[in-house]
Protein backbone atom coordinates (compact mmCIF):
# COMPACT_ATOMS: atom_id res chain seq x y z
CA UNK A 1 10.73 -25.83 5.22
CA UNK A 2 11.49 -23.80 2.07
CA UNK A 3 8.55 -25.53 0.38
CA UNK A 4 6.15 -23.87 2.80
CA UNK A 5 7.62 -20.37 3.08
CA UNK A 6 4.57 -18.66 1.59
CA UNK A 7 2.18 -20.56 3.84
CA UNK A 8 4.32 -19.53 6.80
CA UNK A 9 4.24 -15.89 5.63
CA UNK A 10 0.42 -16.04 5.51
CA UNK A 11 -0.46 -18.19 8.52
CA UNK A 12 2.22 -17.17 11.07
CA UNK A 13 0.70 -13.71 11.69
CA UNK A 14 -2.87 -15.08 11.51
CA UNK A 15 -2.15 -17.77 14.15
CA UNK A 16 -0.28 -15.18 16.25
CA UNK A 17 -3.30 -12.89 15.97
CA UNK A 18 -5.64 -15.63 17.20
CA UNK A 19 -3.30 -16.36 20.13
CA UNK A 20 -3.28 -12.63 21.02
CA UNK A 21 -7.07 -12.57 20.77
CA UNK A 22 -7.35 -15.31 23.39
CA UNK A 23 -5.42 -13.25 25.96
CA UNK A 24 -8.83 -11.68 26.56
CA UNK A 25 -9.45 -8.62 28.71
CA UNK A 26 -7.37 -5.47 29.16
CA UNK A 27 -6.00 -6.84 32.45
CA UNK A 28 -3.69 -8.90 30.21
CA UNK A 29 -2.76 -5.92 27.99
CA UNK A 30 1.03 -6.22 28.60
CA UNK A 31 0.90 -9.91 27.63
CA UNK A 32 -1.20 -9.11 24.52
CA UNK A 33 1.28 -6.43 23.43
CA UNK A 34 4.28 -8.71 24.00
CA UNK A 35 2.72 -11.61 22.08
CA UNK A 36 1.67 -9.27 19.25
CA UNK A 37 5.22 -7.95 18.89
CA UNK A 38 6.62 -11.49 18.97
CA UNK A 39 4.09 -12.59 16.33
CA UNK A 40 4.92 -9.59 14.11
CA UNK A 41 8.68 -10.22 14.39
CA UNK A 42 8.21 -13.92 13.57
CA UNK A 43 6.00 -12.87 10.64
CA UNK A 44 8.90 -10.80 9.26
CA UNK A 45 11.56 -13.45 9.90
CA UNK A 46 9.69 -16.12 7.90
CA UNK A 47 9.49 -13.76 4.89
CA UNK A 48 13.22 -12.90 4.74
CA UNK A 49 14.21 -16.21 3.03
CA UNK A 50 11.90 -15.17 0.17
CA UNK A 51 14.45 -12.46 -0.67
CA UNK A 52 17.65 -14.33 0.14
CA UNK A 53 16.53 -17.42 -1.80
CA UNK A 54 14.99 -15.53 -4.72
CA UNK A 55 16.32 -16.27 -8.22
CA UNK A 56 16.58 -12.86 -9.91
CA UNK A 57 17.30 -14.33 -13.35
CA UNK A 58 13.88 -15.89 -13.94
CA UNK A 59 10.39 -14.46 -14.33
CA UNK A 60 8.76 -17.75 -13.29
CA UNK A 61 6.77 -18.05 -10.08
CA UNK A 62 8.95 -19.16 -7.16
CA UNK A 63 8.32 -20.92 -3.81
CA UNK A 64 5.22 -22.42 -5.43
CA UNK A 65 2.77 -24.42 -3.29
CA UNK A 66 -0.28 -26.21 -4.62
CA UNK A 67 -2.93 -28.36 -2.97
CA UNK A 68 -6.50 -29.19 -3.90
CA UNK A 69 -8.99 -27.06 -1.95
CA UNK A 70 -12.51 -27.30 -3.45
CA UNK A 71 -12.03 -30.16 -5.92
CA UNK A 72 -15.46 -30.16 -7.66
CA UNK A 73 -14.82 -26.63 -8.93
CA UNK A 74 -11.09 -27.13 -9.51
CA UNK A 75 -10.27 -24.50 -6.86
CA UNK A 76 -6.76 -24.91 -5.44
CA UNK A 77 -4.69 -23.56 -2.59
CA UNK A 78 -2.11 -22.30 -5.10
CA UNK A 79 0.61 -19.90 -3.98
CA UNK A 80 3.68 -18.39 -5.62
CA UNK A 81 5.60 -15.11 -5.87
CA UNK A 82 7.62 -13.39 -8.59
CA UNK A 83 9.69 -10.21 -8.68
CA UNK A 84 6.52 -8.11 -8.68
CA UNK A 85 4.80 -9.60 -5.62
CA UNK A 86 7.68 -10.78 -3.39
CA UNK A 87 8.82 -7.30 -2.19
CA UNK A 88 5.30 -6.49 -0.97
CA UNK A 89 5.12 -9.60 1.22
CA UNK A 90 8.27 -8.44 3.05
CA UNK A 91 7.10 -4.79 3.16
CA UNK A 92 3.79 -5.86 4.69
CA UNK A 93 5.49 -7.96 7.39
CA UNK A 94 7.88 -5.09 8.17
CA UNK A 95 5.09 -2.50 8.46
CA UNK A 96 3.15 -4.79 10.84
CA UNK A 97 5.98 -4.58 13.42
CA UNK A 98 5.92 -0.77 13.27
CA UNK A 99 2.14 -0.72 13.69
CA UNK A 100 2.33 -2.88 16.82
CA UNK A 101 5.00 -0.56 18.25
CA UNK A 102 3.02 2.56 17.29
CA UNK A 103 0.02 1.46 19.36
CA UNK A 104 2.11 0.17 22.29
CA UNK A 105 0.97 2.53 25.06
CA UNK A 106 -1.43 4.57 22.96
CA UNK A 107 -4.23 2.02 22.71
CA UNK A 108 -5.61 1.41 26.21
CA UNK A 109 -8.93 -0.30 25.46
CA UNK A 110 -9.46 -3.72 23.84
CA UNK A 111 -5.70 -4.02 23.39
CA UNK A 112 -5.75 -7.73 22.46
CA UNK A 113 -8.44 -7.25 19.83
CA UNK A 114 -6.62 -4.24 18.35
CA UNK A 115 -3.32 -6.07 17.91
CA UNK A 116 -5.00 -9.28 16.76
CA UNK A 117 -6.81 -7.37 13.99
CA UNK A 118 -3.50 -6.07 12.62
CA UNK A 119 -1.79 -9.47 12.75
CA UNK A 120 -4.68 -11.26 11.06
CA UNK A 121 -4.87 -8.54 8.42
CA UNK A 122 -1.12 -8.89 7.80
CA UNK A 123 -1.56 -12.58 6.98
CA UNK A 124 -4.57 -11.91 4.74
CA UNK A 125 -2.67 -9.22 2.82
CA UNK A 126 0.23 -11.62 2.27
CA UNK A 127 -2.33 -14.11 0.94
CA UNK A 128 -3.40 -11.58 -1.71
CA UNK A 129 0.18 -11.07 -2.89
CA UNK A 130 0.86 -14.83 -3.00
CA UNK A 131 -2.40 -16.24 -4.44
CA UNK A 132 -2.24 -17.81 -7.91
CA UNK A 133 -5.81 -19.13 -7.83
CA UNK A 134 -8.62 -16.70 -8.70
CA UNK A 135 -10.97 -17.77 -5.90
CA UNK A 136 -8.16 -17.85 -3.33
CA UNK A 137 -7.18 -14.32 -4.38
CA UNK A 138 -10.80 -13.17 -4.10
CA UNK A 139 -11.25 -14.71 -0.64
CA UNK A 140 -8.12 -13.01 0.70
CA UNK A 141 -9.02 -9.78 -1.16
CA UNK A 142 -12.43 -9.59 0.53
CA UNK A 143 -11.39 -10.97 3.92
CA UNK A 144 -8.74 -8.25 4.30
CA UNK A 145 -11.57 -5.68 4.43
CA UNK A 146 -12.94 -7.05 7.69
CA UNK A 147 -10.01 -6.32 10.09
CA UNK A 148 -9.52 -2.83 8.62
CA UNK A 149 -13.26 -2.14 8.88
CA UNK A 150 -13.14 -3.14 12.56
CA UNK A 151 -9.97 -1.12 13.24
CA UNK A 152 -11.54 2.07 11.82
CA UNK A 153 -14.99 1.39 13.31
CA UNK A 154 -13.85 0.49 16.84
CA UNK A 155 -10.70 2.54 17.51
CA UNK A 156 -11.26 5.49 15.16
CA UNK A 157 -12.33 9.09 15.69
CA UNK A 158 -15.78 10.65 16.27
CA UNK A 159 -17.10 9.84 12.75
CA UNK A 160 -15.53 6.38 12.66
CA UNK A 161 -18.73 4.46 11.91
CA UNK A 162 -19.54 6.64 8.88
CA UNK A 163 -15.95 6.32 7.58
CA UNK A 164 -15.84 2.55 8.14
CA UNK A 165 -19.15 1.90 6.38
CA UNK A 166 -18.22 4.18 3.47
CA UNK A 167 -14.88 2.37 3.09
CA UNK A 168 -16.58 -1.04 3.23
CA UNK A 169 -19.36 -0.22 0.75
CA UNK A 170 -17.07 1.42 -1.80
CA UNK A 171 -14.65 -1.51 -1.88
CA UNK A 172 -17.34 -4.20 -1.70
CA UNK A 173 -19.38 -2.77 -4.59
CA UNK A 174 -16.30 -2.77 -6.84
CA UNK A 175 -15.49 -6.35 -5.89
CA UNK A 176 -18.86 -7.69 -7.10
CA UNK A 177 -17.98 -6.93 -10.74
CA UNK A 178 -14.56 -8.47 -10.13
CA UNK A 179 -16.25 -11.69 -9.00
CA UNK A 180 -18.42 -11.81 -12.14
CA UNK A 181 -15.26 -11.41 -14.25
CA UNK A 182 -13.59 -14.32 -12.39
CA UNK A 183 -16.60 -16.59 -12.99
CA UNK A 184 -16.62 -15.65 -16.71
CA UNK A 185 -12.91 -16.50 -16.98
CA UNK A 186 -13.55 -19.83 -15.24
CA UNK A 187 -15.98 -20.87 -17.98
CA UNK A 188 -13.83 -19.43 -20.79
CA UNK A 189 -10.79 -21.41 -19.63
CA UNK A 190 -12.65 -24.71 -19.53
CA UNK A 191 -13.06 -24.87 -15.78
CA UNK A 192 -9.80 -23.44 -14.42
CA UNK A 193 -9.39 -20.84 -11.70
CA UNK A 194 -5.60 -20.65 -12.23
CA UNK A 195 -4.58 -17.03 -12.81
CA UNK A 196 -1.64 -18.22 -14.93
CA UNK A 197 -4.02 -20.19 -17.20
CA UNK A 198 -6.11 -17.05 -17.63
CA UNK A 199 -3.02 -15.14 -18.82
CA UNK A 200 -2.90 -17.45 -21.88
CA UNK A 201 -6.58 -17.15 -22.87
CA UNK A 202 -7.12 -15.93 -26.47
CA UNK A 203 -9.90 -13.38 -25.92
CA UNK A 204 -11.30 -10.98 -28.54
CA UNK A 205 -10.95 -7.23 -28.01
CA UNK A 206 -14.58 -6.60 -26.99
CA UNK A 207 -14.41 -9.30 -24.30
CA UNK A 208 -11.08 -7.95 -23.08
CA UNK A 209 -12.50 -4.43 -22.78
CA UNK A 210 -15.45 -5.65 -20.68
CA UNK A 211 -13.10 -7.65 -18.46
CA UNK A 212 -10.73 -4.69 -18.17
CA UNK A 213 -13.59 -2.41 -17.11
CA UNK A 214 -14.78 -4.96 -14.51
CA UNK A 215 -11.24 -5.18 -13.09
CA UNK A 216 -10.92 -1.39 -13.27
CA UNK A 217 -13.96 -0.79 -11.07
CA UNK A 218 -12.60 -3.14 -8.37
CA UNK A 219 -8.99 -2.00 -8.47
CA UNK A 220 -9.58 1.74 -9.05
CA UNK A 221 -11.51 1.92 -5.77
CA UNK A 222 -8.67 0.18 -3.93
CA UNK A 223 -5.88 2.39 -5.36
CA UNK A 224 -7.93 4.75 -5.10
CA UNK A 225 -8.08 6.51 -8.46
CA UNK A 226 -10.01 9.69 -9.18
CA UNK A 227 -13.08 9.93 -9.05
CA UNK A 228 -13.67 6.96 -6.68
CA UNK A 229 -11.18 8.26 -4.10
CA UNK A 230 -13.48 10.03 -1.66
CA UNK A 231 -13.60 7.20 0.89
CA UNK A 232 -9.86 7.44 1.57
CA UNK A 233 -9.57 10.88 3.26
CA UNK A 234 -12.52 10.00 5.52
CA UNK A 235 -11.02 6.62 6.40
CA UNK A 236 -7.59 8.13 7.13
CA UNK A 237 -8.93 10.96 9.28
CA UNK A 238 -11.03 8.63 11.44
CA UNK A 239 -8.63 5.66 11.60
CA UNK A 240 -6.21 5.28 14.53
CA UNK A 241 -2.56 5.88 13.64
CA UNK A 242 -1.84 2.18 13.05
CA UNK A 243 -4.87 1.88 10.78
CA UNK A 244 -3.72 4.86 8.70
CA UNK A 245 -0.22 3.39 8.40
CA UNK A 246 -1.43 0.00 7.12
CA UNK A 247 -4.05 1.59 4.89
CA UNK A 248 -1.48 3.87 3.21
CA UNK A 249 1.54 1.56 3.23
CA UNK A 250 -0.10 -1.72 2.16
CA UNK A 251 -3.86 -1.63 1.48
CA UNK A 252 -3.58 1.01 -1.27
CA UNK A 253 -1.10 -1.26 -3.09
CA UNK A 254 -3.70 -3.99 -3.60
CA UNK A 255 -5.47 -2.19 -6.43
CA UNK A 256 -2.21 -1.37 -8.21
CA UNK A 257 -1.04 -4.97 -7.76
CA UNK A 258 -4.36 -6.18 -9.22
CA UNK A 259 -3.68 -4.23 -12.43
CA UNK A 260 -0.38 -6.09 -12.88
CA UNK A 261 -1.75 -9.52 -11.98
CA UNK A 262 -5.10 -9.31 -13.81
CA UNK A 263 -5.73 -6.30 -16.08
CA UNK A 264 -2.48 -6.16 -18.06
CA UNK A 265 -1.81 -9.90 -18.63
CA UNK A 266 -5.44 -11.10 -19.04
CA UNK A 267 -6.63 -8.15 -21.16
CA UNK A 268 -3.44 -6.94 -22.89
CA UNK A 269 -5.14 -5.58 -26.03
CA UNK A 270 -7.69 -3.72 -23.92
CA UNK A 271 -4.80 -2.37 -21.82
CA UNK A 272 -3.30 -0.87 -24.98
CA UNK A 273 -6.67 0.34 -26.20
CA UNK A 274 -7.60 2.03 -22.90
CA UNK A 275 -4.12 3.16 -21.83
CA UNK A 276 -5.00 6.76 -22.81
CA UNK A 277 -7.99 6.70 -20.45
CA UNK A 278 -5.85 5.31 -17.60
CA UNK A 279 -3.08 7.87 -18.18
CA UNK A 280 -5.68 10.66 -18.24
CA UNK A 281 -7.23 9.53 -14.93
CA UNK A 282 -3.74 9.17 -13.42
CA UNK A 283 -2.72 12.68 -14.44
CA UNK A 284 -5.93 14.09 -12.92
CA UNK A 285 -5.02 12.33 -9.67
CA UNK A 286 -1.46 13.66 -9.79
CA UNK A 287 -2.32 17.29 -10.60
CA UNK A 288 -5.85 17.98 -9.34
CA UNK A 289 -5.55 15.99 -6.10
CA UNK A 290 -2.21 17.71 -5.47
CA UNK A 291 -4.00 21.07 -5.48
CA UNK A 292 -6.74 19.64 -3.25
CA UNK A 293 -4.04 18.64 -0.75
CA UNK A 294 -2.74 22.20 -0.81
CA UNK A 295 -5.88 23.60 0.85
CA UNK A 296 -6.28 21.03 3.64
CA UNK A 297 -6.37 22.24 7.25
CA UNK A 298 -6.11 18.73 8.73
CA UNK A 299 -2.65 17.09 8.61
CA UNK A 300 -4.02 13.58 8.11
CA UNK A 301 -6.30 14.71 5.30
CA UNK A 302 -3.38 16.43 3.60
CA UNK A 303 -1.23 13.29 3.70
CA UNK A 304 -4.24 11.19 2.61
CA UNK A 305 -4.68 13.35 -0.50
CA UNK A 306 -0.94 13.22 -1.15
CA UNK A 307 -1.24 9.40 -1.10
CA UNK A 308 -3.87 9.57 -3.84
CA UNK A 309 -1.53 11.78 -5.90
CA UNK A 310 1.40 9.40 -5.39
CA UNK A 311 -0.70 6.38 -6.33
CA UNK A 312 -1.75 8.29 -9.46
CA UNK A 313 1.93 8.26 -10.33
CA UNK A 314 1.91 4.48 -9.93
CA UNK A 315 -0.99 3.86 -12.34
CA UNK A 316 0.58 6.36 -14.75
CA UNK A 317 3.78 4.28 -14.74
CA UNK A 318 1.92 1.03 -15.38
CA UNK A 319 -0.06 2.13 -18.41
CA UNK A 320 2.78 3.74 -20.34
CA UNK A 321 3.74 0.08 -20.85
CA UNK A 322 7.52 0.57 -20.87
CA UNK A 323 10.03 -1.02 -18.45
CA UNK A 324 11.13 2.27 -16.86
CA UNK A 325 7.56 3.29 -16.17
CA UNK A 326 6.46 -0.05 -14.67
CA UNK A 327 9.60 -0.53 -12.56
CA UNK A 328 9.47 3.11 -11.44
CA UNK A 329 5.84 2.60 -10.39
CA UNK A 330 6.77 -0.51 -8.38
CA UNK A 331 9.63 1.36 -6.68
CA UNK A 332 7.20 4.21 -5.97
CA UNK A 333 4.80 1.72 -4.34
CA UNK A 334 7.49 0.42 -1.98
CA UNK A 335 8.80 3.93 -1.25
CA UNK A 336 5.27 5.17 -0.59
CA UNK A 337 4.94 2.35 1.94
CA UNK A 338 7.90 3.74 3.87
CA UNK A 339 7.22 7.47 3.43
CA UNK A 340 3.44 7.61 3.92
CA UNK A 341 3.72 5.19 6.85
CA UNK A 342 6.34 7.49 8.40
CA UNK A 343 4.24 10.61 7.78
CA UNK A 344 1.21 9.09 9.50
CA UNK A 345 3.37 7.90 12.40
CA UNK A 346 4.73 11.45 12.81
CA UNK A 347 1.22 12.89 12.81
CA UNK A 348 0.27 10.17 15.31
CA UNK A 349 3.14 11.24 17.60
CA UNK A 350 1.76 14.80 17.64
CA UNK A 351 -1.85 13.64 18.01
CA UNK A 352 -0.99 11.45 21.02
CA UNK A 353 0.30 14.56 22.80
CA UNK A 354 -2.10 17.28 21.63
CA UNK A 355 -5.21 15.36 20.47
CA UNK A 356 -5.46 17.65 17.47
CA UNK A 357 -4.61 17.19 13.80
CA UNK A 358 -5.40 20.77 12.81
CA UNK A 359 -2.36 22.54 11.35
CA UNK A 360 -3.52 25.84 12.91
CA UNK A 361 -3.21 24.39 16.43
CA UNK A 362 0.55 23.95 16.05
CA UNK A 363 3.55 26.15 15.31
CA UNK A 364 7.03 26.22 16.84
CA UNK A 365 7.14 22.47 17.52
CA UNK A 366 10.89 22.47 16.75
CA UNK A 367 11.45 24.47 19.95
CA UNK A 368 10.10 21.71 22.18
CA UNK A 369 10.58 18.57 20.00
CA UNK A 370 13.87 18.99 18.07
CA UNK A 371 14.46 15.25 17.49
CA UNK A 372 10.94 14.79 16.21
CA UNK A 373 11.29 17.87 13.96
CA UNK A 374 14.42 16.37 12.35
CA UNK A 375 12.67 13.08 11.51
CA UNK A 376 9.56 14.90 10.31
CA UNK A 377 11.73 17.06 8.05
CA UNK A 378 13.35 14.00 6.42
CA UNK A 379 10.00 12.30 5.76
CA UNK A 380 8.43 15.53 4.49
CA UNK A 381 11.33 15.96 2.05
CA UNK A 382 10.94 12.34 0.92
CA UNK A 383 7.21 12.92 0.43
CA UNK A 384 8.09 15.88 -1.80
CA UNK A 385 10.54 13.75 -3.82
CA UNK A 386 13.91 15.10 -2.65
CA UNK A 387 16.89 13.40 -4.38
CA UNK A 388 18.72 10.86 -2.16
CA UNK A 389 15.43 9.84 -0.56
CA UNK A 390 13.28 6.92 -1.66
CA UNK A 391 10.52 9.31 -2.77
CA UNK A 392 12.71 10.58 -5.61
CA UNK A 393 13.74 7.25 -7.16
CA UNK A 394 10.32 5.98 -8.24
CA UNK A 395 9.06 9.39 -9.37
CA UNK A 396 12.22 10.00 -11.41
CA UNK A 397 11.95 6.59 -13.11
CA UNK A 398 8.27 7.16 -13.96
CA UNK A 399 9.05 10.62 -15.38
CA UNK A 400 11.86 9.10 -17.49
CA UNK A 401 9.41 6.47 -18.72
CA UNK A 402 6.90 9.23 -19.46
CA UNK A 403 9.47 11.16 -21.54
CA UNK A 404 9.96 7.96 -23.55
CA UNK A 405 6.17 7.71 -23.98
CA UNK A 406 5.19 11.37 -24.57
CA UNK A 407 6.94 14.58 -23.56
CA UNK A 408 3.75 16.41 -22.55
CA UNK A 409 2.61 13.54 -20.33
CA UNK A 410 6.02 13.72 -18.65
CA UNK A 411 5.72 17.51 -18.32
CA UNK A 412 2.29 17.20 -16.67
CA UNK A 413 3.51 14.42 -14.36
CA UNK A 414 6.56 16.43 -13.32
CA UNK A 415 4.31 19.16 -11.92
CA UNK A 416 3.80 16.83 -8.95
CA UNK A 417 7.34 17.64 -7.85
CA UNK A 418 6.36 21.31 -7.51
CA UNK A 419 2.87 20.85 -6.06
CA UNK A 420 4.08 18.01 -3.79
CA UNK A 421 6.82 20.22 -2.41
CA UNK A 422 4.32 23.06 -1.94
CA UNK A 423 1.73 21.22 0.17
CA UNK A 424 4.23 19.13 2.15
CA UNK A 425 6.68 21.88 3.02
CA UNK A 426 3.93 24.43 3.72
CA UNK A 427 2.41 22.01 6.22
CA UNK A 428 5.84 21.39 7.76
CA UNK A 429 6.59 25.10 7.99
CA UNK A 430 3.29 25.91 9.75
CA UNK A 431 3.53 22.98 12.18
CA UNK A 432 7.22 22.99 13.08
CA UNK A 433 8.69 26.46 12.54
CA UNK A 434 7.81 29.86 13.94
CA UNK A 435 7.20 31.03 17.48
CA UNK A 436 5.34 28.88 19.99
CA UNK A 437 1.86 30.40 19.83
CA UNK A 438 0.00 27.68 21.71
CA UNK A 439 0.61 26.94 25.41
CA UNK A 440 0.01 23.23 24.75
CA UNK A 441 2.87 23.21 22.21
CA UNK A 442 5.14 24.78 24.84
CA UNK A 443 4.46 21.76 27.10
CA UNK A 444 5.19 19.08 24.47
CA UNK A 445 7.80 16.42 25.25
CA UNK A 446 10.18 15.14 22.58
CA UNK A 447 9.89 11.59 21.24
CA UNK A 448 10.60 8.73 23.63
CA UNK A 449 12.82 5.68 22.96
CA UNK A 450 9.99 3.64 21.38
CA UNK A 451 9.02 6.44 18.99
CA UNK A 452 12.66 7.19 18.20
CA UNK A 453 13.19 3.51 17.33
CA UNK A 454 10.41 3.16 14.77
CA UNK A 455 11.08 6.57 13.20
CA UNK A 456 14.82 5.81 12.97
CA UNK A 457 14.13 2.44 11.27
CA UNK A 458 11.94 4.15 8.68
CA UNK A 459 14.51 6.93 8.21
CA UNK A 460 17.14 4.28 7.39
CA UNK A 461 14.77 2.65 4.89
CA UNK A 462 13.97 5.97 3.20
CA UNK A 463 17.64 6.99 2.92
CA UNK A 464 18.87 3.48 2.09
CA UNK A 465 16.41 3.10 -0.78
CA UNK A 466 17.11 6.63 -1.99
CA UNK A 467 20.89 6.18 -2.05
CA UNK A 468 21.03 2.54 -3.21
CA UNK A 469 17.81 1.33 -4.87
CA UNK A 470 19.45 -1.66 -6.63
CA UNK A 471 18.34 -4.34 -4.10
CA UNK A 472 14.75 -3.27 -4.77
CA UNK A 473 14.96 -2.90 -8.56
CA UNK A 474 17.06 -5.95 -9.47
CA UNK A 475 14.43 -8.46 -8.30
CA UNK A 476 11.80 -6.83 -10.56
CA UNK A 477 13.62 -6.80 -13.93
CA UNK A 478 12.83 -10.30 -15.18
CA UNK A 479 9.18 -10.28 -14.10
CA UNK A 480 8.49 -6.78 -15.49
CA UNK A 481 10.17 -7.55 -18.82
CA UNK A 482 8.24 -10.82 -19.14
CA UNK A 483 4.94 -9.06 -18.39
CA UNK A 484 5.57 -6.30 -20.95
CA UNK A 485 6.69 -8.86 -23.53
CA UNK A 486 3.43 -10.76 -22.98
CA UNK A 487 1.41 -7.56 -23.44
CA UNK A 488 3.36 -6.54 -26.57
CA UNK A 489 3.15 -9.99 -28.19
CA UNK A 490 -0.61 -10.04 -27.82
CA UNK A 491 -0.79 -6.69 -29.57
CA UNK A 492 1.14 -8.06 -32.54
CA UNK A 493 -1.06 -11.15 -32.95
């Protein structure tokens, strides 16, 4: 069974999603919800042995599976995980359970289709993190767009069609250049689509720069980096709560993961050459987008912009090319999965009751929803990077890495702590504190058992990672060091 763990991680949620889909009409909604939760739980259980059986001492790919797929073109069903990709498979499976719970009684129409879309997307996202074949990666990379496009377009807000099409076109256009780069690498490597073979290709600097730029267009849109970030606030605002959670917690990680799997190892000299550009774009995202978040009147838009700022921290960590920076960025990615997911779930809890995301419509929520206010406070503090929460660990490691790289880069990056605290806590203060000015707020009911459960689970994750990050960092060491060694060696040659 251990030989097929990655296939199980990919296909268990996809098969479960298809089963849920066949439950049909909304008359069977309770059955669809029950099967979706069962499928999501099974999807998490099959990924846990990836952590318990993981060898932390090696940087080699583990749990490798390989079978011929399209033989004439040497395309294989080739899977494997290392310390960089394995945590995201588990994070994705974990988030899927929360998403199913979040939509439990909230989604009343096309319930089976809604849950099936999330389960199928969960499997496709795992496929991206596990793929070691270029075409297999590309197929999963593109296929994951479809469920999210449907989720936004069918269950979203009033402008859902506009947001869904904008999201789809932005990401698809970037992927076309990515495909051209994959085909070029296929011919350069003598007919191999193996990503690991591509890592060893001796490419001249000009070629590497062109490849790097092709990868950059595809992955920058996914992160999203400034200035190709404008699809994200629209998508978040229109998406249902579950869609926002998956988009922030997992989908934004795909671009950052692509940099580590393609840009850095395949074009290491170009990565050194263009690291200044990447750091500059990252700092713009961290500082400028932080100020943009400060003026938002819509809670979802504010958290969406804060996600762009946090992901700017991630790309900043990667391209300083030191172990602290890269590991800090990876920790930030996992933490952001917990914290941004929790923030969107909290906003969803309020939206389910009031059907408004406008900050001005609230005030005094603590008077009627004290339990909710306590959870929201914890997640807001984590979003602002409070020590002892997961939000602090990654940011602190990246800032330490930045000090090692350049003091002024670190100084600029550290401003996110101030701006992040400003926009997050100002939103919290206006929504939760003060007198109850709105009669609808006076009628709010505190969180129920289902909502308490998923918020409590995320609170434990945020505090657990903040107080004891070792289980997350120790699996990364070998893989990160090997990657940076590969990049440095190429520079010396």
